Amino acid sequence: MRKHYEFAKARPNPYARLLKKQITLRLDESTVEYFKDLAQDTAIPYQTLINLYLRECAASRKQLHLAWQPAK
C-alpha cells in the first residue's frame, strides 16, 4: 500500500448518482427506533437496514393488504 496517493487528476464516478436517490420519508418514531435497535445488534446503519428491507419487499413483489374499519 502506498503512503501517499495523488488525486489531482481524479474524476468523480459518473454512475454514483444512479446508485441511490436521496428522498424524504416520514416514518413512525417506533419504526425508526426498531431499525436503530436492530442496527446496534447487527452493526449495520439503520438507513441501510431500511433500504435492504424495502428492496426485499420490492424484489418479491410483496403486496400490502389493508382492511379499513369505518370510524364510529
N, C-alpha and C. Protein backbone atom coordinates (compact mmCIF):
# COMPACT_ATOMS: atom_id res chain seq x y z
N MET A 1 0.84 -1.17 0.00
CA MET A 1 0.00 0.00 0.00
C MET A 1 0.88 1.24 0.00
N ARG A 2 0.50 2.20 -0.78
CA ARG A 2 1.27 3.44 -0.85
C ARG A 2 1.06 4.31 0.38
N LYS A 3 2.06 5.12 0.68
CA LYS A 3 1.93 6.06 1.79
C LYS A 3 1.20 7.33 1.35
N HIS A 4 1.24 7.62 0.04
CA HIS A 4 0.60 8.83 -0.47
C HIS A 4 -0.05 8.51 -1.81
N TYR A 5 -1.26 8.99 -2.00
CA TYR A 5 -1.97 8.82 -3.26
C TYR A 5 -2.21 10.19 -3.88
N GLU A 6 -2.12 10.27 -5.19
CA GLU A 6 -2.31 11.52 -5.92
C GLU A 6 -3.72 11.55 -6.51
N PHE A 7 -4.54 12.48 -6.05
CA PHE A 7 -5.91 12.59 -6.51
C PHE A 7 -6.15 13.84 -7.36
N ALA A 8 -5.10 14.52 -7.77
CA ALA A 8 -5.24 15.76 -8.52
C ALA A 8 -5.98 15.53 -9.84
N LYS A 9 -5.78 14.39 -10.47
CA LYS A 9 -6.41 14.10 -11.76
C LYS A 9 -7.61 13.16 -11.61
N ALA A 10 -8.05 12.94 -10.40
CA ALA A 10 -9.17 12.03 -10.16
C ALA A 10 -10.48 12.64 -10.65
N ARG A 11 -11.40 11.77 -11.10
CA ARG A 11 -12.72 12.21 -11.54
C ARG A 11 -13.77 11.54 -10.67
N PRO A 12 -14.86 12.22 -10.41
CA PRO A 12 -15.94 11.56 -9.67
C PRO A 12 -16.56 10.45 -10.52
N ASN A 13 -17.07 9.44 -9.85
CA ASN A 13 -17.71 8.33 -10.55
C ASN A 13 -19.00 8.84 -11.19
N PRO A 14 -19.14 8.76 -12.53
CA PRO A 14 -20.35 9.29 -13.17
C PRO A 14 -21.59 8.45 -12.87
N TYR A 15 -21.41 7.24 -12.38
CA TYR A 15 -22.53 6.35 -12.10
C TYR A 15 -22.96 6.38 -10.63
N ALA A 16 -22.22 7.08 -9.79
CA ALA A 16 -22.51 7.10 -8.36
C ALA A 16 -23.90 7.65 -8.07
N ARG A 17 -24.35 8.64 -8.82
CA ARG A 17 -25.68 9.23 -8.58
C ARG A 17 -26.80 8.26 -8.92
N LEU A 18 -26.50 7.29 -9.79
CA LEU A 18 -27.51 6.32 -10.19
C LEU A 18 -27.69 5.22 -9.15
N LEU A 19 -26.76 5.09 -8.23
CA LEU A 19 -26.81 4.01 -7.26
C LEU A 19 -27.92 4.20 -6.23
N LYS A 20 -28.05 5.40 -5.72
CA LYS A 20 -29.07 5.69 -4.70
C LYS A 20 -29.63 7.07 -4.93
N LYS A 21 -30.85 7.27 -4.47
CA LYS A 21 -31.52 8.56 -4.60
C LYS A 21 -31.95 9.02 -3.21
N GLN A 22 -31.60 10.24 -2.87
CA GLN A 22 -31.98 10.78 -1.57
C GLN A 22 -33.41 11.28 -1.64
N ILE A 23 -34.22 10.84 -0.66
CA ILE A 23 -35.61 11.27 -0.56
C ILE A 23 -35.93 11.60 0.89
N THR A 24 -37.06 12.25 1.10
CA THR A 24 -37.56 12.47 2.45
C THR A 24 -38.69 11.48 2.67
N LEU A 25 -38.63 10.77 3.76
CA LEU A 25 -39.61 9.74 4.05
C LEU A 25 -40.04 9.90 5.50
N ARG A 26 -41.31 10.03 5.74
CA ARG A 26 -41.82 10.19 7.11
C ARG A 26 -42.18 8.82 7.65
N LEU A 27 -41.54 8.45 8.75
CA LEU A 27 -41.77 7.16 9.39
C LEU A 27 -42.18 7.38 10.84
N ASP A 28 -42.96 6.45 11.36
CA ASP A 28 -43.33 6.50 12.77
C ASP A 28 -42.06 6.40 13.62
N GLU A 29 -42.08 7.08 14.74
CA GLU A 29 -40.92 7.06 15.64
C GLU A 29 -40.60 5.63 16.10
N SER A 30 -41.64 4.84 16.36
CA SER A 30 -41.41 3.46 16.81
C SER A 30 -40.75 2.62 15.72
N THR A 31 -41.07 2.90 14.46
CA THR A 31 -40.44 2.17 13.35
C THR A 31 -38.96 2.51 13.26
N VAL A 32 -38.65 3.78 13.38
CA VAL A 32 -37.25 4.21 13.33
C VAL A 32 -36.48 3.62 14.50
N GLU A 33 -37.07 3.62 15.70
CA GLU A 33 -36.42 3.05 16.87
C GLU A 33 -36.16 1.55 16.68
N TYR A 34 -37.12 0.85 16.08
CA TYR A 34 -36.95 -0.58 15.81
C TYR A 34 -35.70 -0.81 14.95
N PHE A 35 -35.59 -0.05 13.86
CA PHE A 35 -34.44 -0.23 12.97
C PHE A 35 -33.14 0.25 13.60
N LYS A 36 -33.20 1.27 14.46
CA LYS A 36 -31.99 1.72 15.16
C LYS A 36 -31.52 0.65 16.15
N ASP A 37 -32.46 0.02 16.85
CA ASP A 37 -32.09 -1.07 17.76
C ASP A 37 -31.50 -2.24 16.98
N LEU A 38 -32.11 -2.57 15.87
CA LEU A 38 -31.61 -3.65 15.02
C LEU A 38 -30.23 -3.31 14.48
N ALA A 39 -30.01 -2.03 14.19
CA ALA A 39 -28.70 -1.59 13.69
C ALA A 39 -27.61 -1.81 14.73
N GLN A 40 -27.94 -1.57 16.00
CA GLN A 40 -26.94 -1.79 17.05
C GLN A 40 -26.60 -3.27 17.17
N ASP A 41 -27.60 -4.13 16.99
CA ASP A 41 -27.37 -5.57 17.10
C ASP A 41 -26.57 -6.12 15.93
N THR A 42 -26.76 -5.53 14.74
CA THR A 42 -26.13 -6.07 13.54
C THR A 42 -24.92 -5.28 13.07
N ALA A 43 -24.67 -4.12 13.65
CA ALA A 43 -23.57 -3.23 13.25
C ALA A 43 -23.72 -2.79 11.80
N ILE A 44 -24.98 -2.62 11.36
CA ILE A 44 -25.30 -2.10 10.03
C ILE A 44 -26.11 -0.82 10.25
N PRO A 45 -25.79 0.27 9.55
CA PRO A 45 -26.55 1.50 9.75
C PRO A 45 -28.04 1.30 9.52
N TYR A 46 -28.85 1.99 10.32
CA TYR A 46 -30.29 1.76 10.26
C TYR A 46 -30.89 2.15 8.91
N GLN A 47 -30.33 3.17 8.24
CA GLN A 47 -30.83 3.54 6.92
C GLN A 47 -30.59 2.40 5.93
N THR A 48 -29.46 1.73 6.06
CA THR A 48 -29.15 0.59 5.19
C THR A 48 -30.11 -0.55 5.46
N LEU A 49 -30.43 -0.80 6.72
CA LEU A 49 -31.38 -1.86 7.05
C LEU A 49 -32.75 -1.58 6.46
N ILE A 50 -33.20 -0.34 6.56
CA ILE A 50 -34.49 0.03 5.99
C ILE A 50 -34.46 -0.18 4.48
N ASN A 51 -33.37 0.24 3.84
CA ASN A 51 -33.23 0.06 2.39
C ASN A 51 -33.23 -1.42 2.02
N LEU A 52 -32.52 -2.25 2.78
CA LEU A 52 -32.48 -3.68 2.50
C LEU A 52 -33.87 -4.31 2.62
N TYR A 53 -34.61 -3.90 3.65
CA TYR A 53 -35.96 -4.45 3.83
C TYR A 53 -36.89 -4.03 2.69
N LEU A 54 -36.83 -2.76 2.32
CA LEU A 54 -37.68 -2.28 1.22
C LEU A 54 -37.28 -2.92 -0.10
N ARG A 55 -35.98 -3.13 -0.30
CA ARG A 55 -35.51 -3.79 -1.53
C ARG A 55 -36.03 -5.22 -1.60
N GLU A 56 -36.01 -5.92 -0.45
CA GLU A 56 -36.53 -7.29 -0.41
C GLU A 56 -38.03 -7.31 -0.72
N CYS A 57 -38.77 -6.35 -0.18
CA CYS A 57 -40.21 -6.26 -0.46
C CYS A 57 -40.45 -6.03 -1.95
N ALA A 58 -39.67 -5.13 -2.55
CA ALA A 58 -39.84 -4.82 -3.97
C ALA A 58 -39.45 -6.02 -4.84
N ALA A 59 -38.37 -6.71 -4.49
CA ALA A 59 -37.91 -7.85 -5.28
C ALA A 59 -38.91 -9.00 -5.25
N SER A 60 -39.56 -9.19 -4.12
CA SER A 60 -40.53 -10.28 -4.01
C SER A 60 -41.95 -9.84 -4.38
N ARG A 61 -42.06 -8.57 -4.82
CA ARG A 61 -43.37 -8.02 -5.20
C ARG A 61 -44.40 -8.16 -4.09
N LYS A 62 -43.94 -7.92 -2.86
CA LYS A 62 -44.81 -8.03 -1.70
C LYS A 62 -45.93 -6.99 -1.80
N GLN A 63 -47.15 -7.42 -1.55
CA GLN A 63 -48.31 -6.55 -1.61
C GLN A 63 -48.83 -6.28 -0.20
N LEU A 64 -49.22 -5.06 0.05
CA LEU A 64 -49.80 -4.69 1.32
C LEU A 64 -51.31 -4.82 1.21
N HIS A 65 -51.90 -5.56 2.12
CA HIS A 65 -53.35 -5.73 2.13
C HIS A 65 -53.93 -5.00 3.34
N LEU A 66 -54.73 -3.99 3.08
CA LEU A 66 -55.33 -3.19 4.15
C LEU A 66 -56.82 -3.43 4.19
N ALA A 67 -57.35 -3.49 5.39
CA ALA A 67 -58.79 -3.59 5.59
C ALA A 67 -59.19 -2.46 6.53
N TRP A 68 -59.70 -1.38 5.98
CA TRP A 68 -60.05 -0.22 6.77
C TRP A 68 -61.34 -0.46 7.53
N GLN A 69 -61.33 -0.07 8.79
CA GLN A 69 -62.52 -0.16 9.62
C GLN A 69 -63.13 1.25 9.68
N PRO A 70 -64.40 1.37 9.38
CA PRO A 70 -65.03 2.70 9.45
C PRO A 70 -65.02 3.24 10.89
N ALA A 71 -64.82 4.54 11.01
CA ALA A 71 -64.82 5.19 12.33
C ALA A 71 -66.24 5.22 12.86
N LYS A 72 -66.38 5.01 14.16
CA LYS A 72 -67.71 5.01 14.78
C LYS A 72 -68.00 6.31 15.44
